[in-house]
Amino acid sequence: MDKTTGGTNGGAASVNRALIFDSYKFVRHLTNRGFTEEQASALAEAWVEDRVNLLNSNLVTDERLAATEARLNGRIGNLEERINARIANLKSELIIWMVGTMLAMTGVFAALSSLPKG
């Protein structure tokens, strides 16, 4: 059981607990170990600012998502064009081979039918 939400542990509850920062407790901890309150407050503020910047730099925004989607759609479109061109090329090669084989078979049958029977 998750103590903070009363639900099962995991998912959003784990993330929420990871984001909680008790700056008063942090400052008190540092002052108990010899930092001045001003130094401890400055460290707490810097730490919170750093965490917020880190979170903001890793968030997926609508703009980032749209840019990534556009880039991927462009790459997929390029791949589709290349695949379609390759398929068309293979179809042409297959038709050439089939026509060549049919002509060769016709020549073989013509030669066989011109042989004397008997």
Protein backbone atom coordinates (compact mmCIF):
# COMPACT_ATOMS: atom_id res chain seq x y z
CA MET A 1 0.00 0.00 0.00
CA ASP A 2 1.20 3.50 -0.78
CA LYS A 3 1.18 5.56 2.43
CA THR A 4 0.75 8.90 0.61
CA THR A 5 -2.30 7.97 -1.47
CA GLY A 6 -3.76 4.91 0.23
CA GLY A 7 -3.49 3.08 -3.09
CA THR A 8 -1.02 0.63 -4.47
CA ASN A 9 2.58 1.73 -4.85
CA GLY A 10 3.69 2.76 -8.33
CA GLY A 11 2.88 5.01 -11.24
CA ALA A 12 2.01 8.61 -10.47
CA ALA A 13 2.26 8.13 -6.70
CA SER A 14 5.93 7.18 -6.99
CA VAL A 15 6.62 10.16 -9.21
CA ASN A 16 4.78 12.52 -6.86
CA ARG A 17 6.78 11.31 -3.86
CA ALA A 18 10.00 11.78 -5.83
CA LEU A 19 9.04 15.39 -6.57
CA ILE A 20 8.21 16.33 -2.98
CA PHE A 21 10.98 18.28 -1.31
CA ASP A 22 10.73 19.56 2.24
CA SER A 23 12.92 22.64 2.04
CA TYR A 24 12.35 23.48 5.72
CA LYS A 25 13.60 20.04 6.77
CA PHE A 26 16.57 20.39 4.41
CA VAL A 27 17.49 23.81 5.83
CA ARG A 28 17.09 22.54 9.38
CA HIS A 29 19.30 19.53 8.59
CA LEU A 30 22.05 21.78 7.20
CA THR A 31 21.87 24.30 10.05
CA ASN A 32 22.14 21.43 12.55
CA ARG A 33 25.40 20.48 10.85
CA GLY A 34 27.00 23.90 10.97
CA PHE A 35 25.65 25.84 7.97
CA THR A 36 24.21 29.26 8.59
CA GLU A 37 20.52 29.63 7.88
CA GLU A 38 21.37 31.92 4.95
CA GLN A 39 23.75 29.32 3.46
CA ALA A 40 21.26 26.49 4.00
CA SER A 41 18.41 28.52 2.46
CA ALA A 42 20.57 29.40 -0.55
CA LEU A 43 21.46 25.72 -1.06
CA ALA A 44 17.82 24.67 -0.77
CA GLU A 45 16.75 27.34 -3.25
CA ALA A 46 19.51 26.36 -5.70
CA TRP A 47 18.61 22.68 -5.39
CA VAL A 48 14.91 23.33 -6.01
CA GLU A 49 15.71 25.58 -8.98
CA ASP A 50 18.02 22.92 -10.43
CA ARG A 51 15.36 20.21 -10.04
CA VAL A 52 12.69 22.41 -11.65
CA ASN A 53 15.02 23.18 -14.58
CA LEU A 54 15.83 19.50 -14.96
CA LEU A 55 12.16 18.54 -14.95
CA ASN A 56 11.26 21.30 -17.41
CA SER A 57 14.05 20.28 -19.78
CA ASN A 58 12.79 16.69 -19.80
CA LEU A 59 9.08 17.38 -20.16
CA VAL A 60 7.40 16.58 -23.43
CA THR A 61 5.57 19.68 -24.55
CA ASP A 62 2.97 19.84 -27.28
CA GLU A 63 5.48 21.68 -29.46
CA ARG A 64 8.20 19.04 -28.94
CA LEU A 65 5.74 16.25 -29.56
CA ALA A 66 4.45 17.90 -32.74
CA ALA A 67 8.00 18.50 -34.00
CA THR A 68 8.98 14.89 -33.32
CA GLU A 69 5.82 13.62 -34.97
CA ALA A 70 6.44 15.79 -38.05
CA ARG A 71 10.05 14.60 -38.28
CA LEU A 72 9.01 10.94 -37.95
CA ASN A 73 6.20 11.35 -40.48
CA GLY A 74 8.71 12.85 -42.91
CA ARG A 75 11.08 9.93 -42.42
CA ILE A 76 8.24 7.43 -42.80
CA GLY A 77 7.11 9.18 -45.99
CA ASN A 78 10.66 9.01 -47.35
CA LEU A 79 10.86 5.31 -46.54
CA GLU A 80 7.50 4.68 -48.19
CA GLU A 81 8.69 6.43 -51.36
CA ARG A 82 11.89 4.40 -51.42
CA ILE A 83 10.03 1.13 -50.82
CA ASN A 84 7.47 1.93 -53.53
CA ALA A 85 10.24 2.81 -55.99
CA ARG A 86 12.05 -0.44 -55.18
CA ILE A 87 8.83 -2.45 -55.59
CA ALA A 88 8.20 -0.79 -58.99
CA ASN A 89 11.76 -1.60 -60.02
CA LEU A 90 11.37 -5.23 -58.93
CA LYS A 91 8.08 -5.51 -60.83
CA SER A 92 9.81 -4.27 -63.99
CA GLU A 93 12.65 -6.74 -63.54
CA LEU A 94 10.19 -9.57 -62.95
CA ILE A 95 8.22 -8.73 -66.09
CA ILE A 96 11.45 -8.64 -68.13
CA TRP A 97 12.46 -12.06 -66.77
CA MET A 98 9.01 -13.50 -67.42
CA VAL A 99 8.91 -12.23 -71.01
CA GLY A 100 12.44 -13.52 -71.60
CA THR A 101 11.53 -16.92 -70.17
CA MET A 102 8.37 -17.09 -72.29
CA LEU A 103 10.34 -16.23 -75.44
CA ALA A 104 12.95 -18.86 -74.59
CA MET A 105 10.22 -21.45 -73.98
CA THR A 106 8.56 -20.52 -77.28
CA GLY A 107 11.90 -21.00 -79.07
CA VAL A 108 12.42 -24.37 -77.38
CA PHE A 109 8.91 -25.54 -78.32
CA ALA A 110 9.37 -24.30 -81.90
CA ALA A 111 12.66 -26.16 -82.15
CA LEU A 112 11.16 -29.32 -80.69
CA SER A 113 8.16 -29.21 -82.98
CA SER A 114 10.39 -28.83 -86.04
CA LEU A 115 12.26 -32.04 -85.22
CA PRO A 116 11.28 -35.03 -87.32
CA LYS A 117 8.76 -37.24 -85.65
CA GLY A 118 9.52 -40.71 -85.39
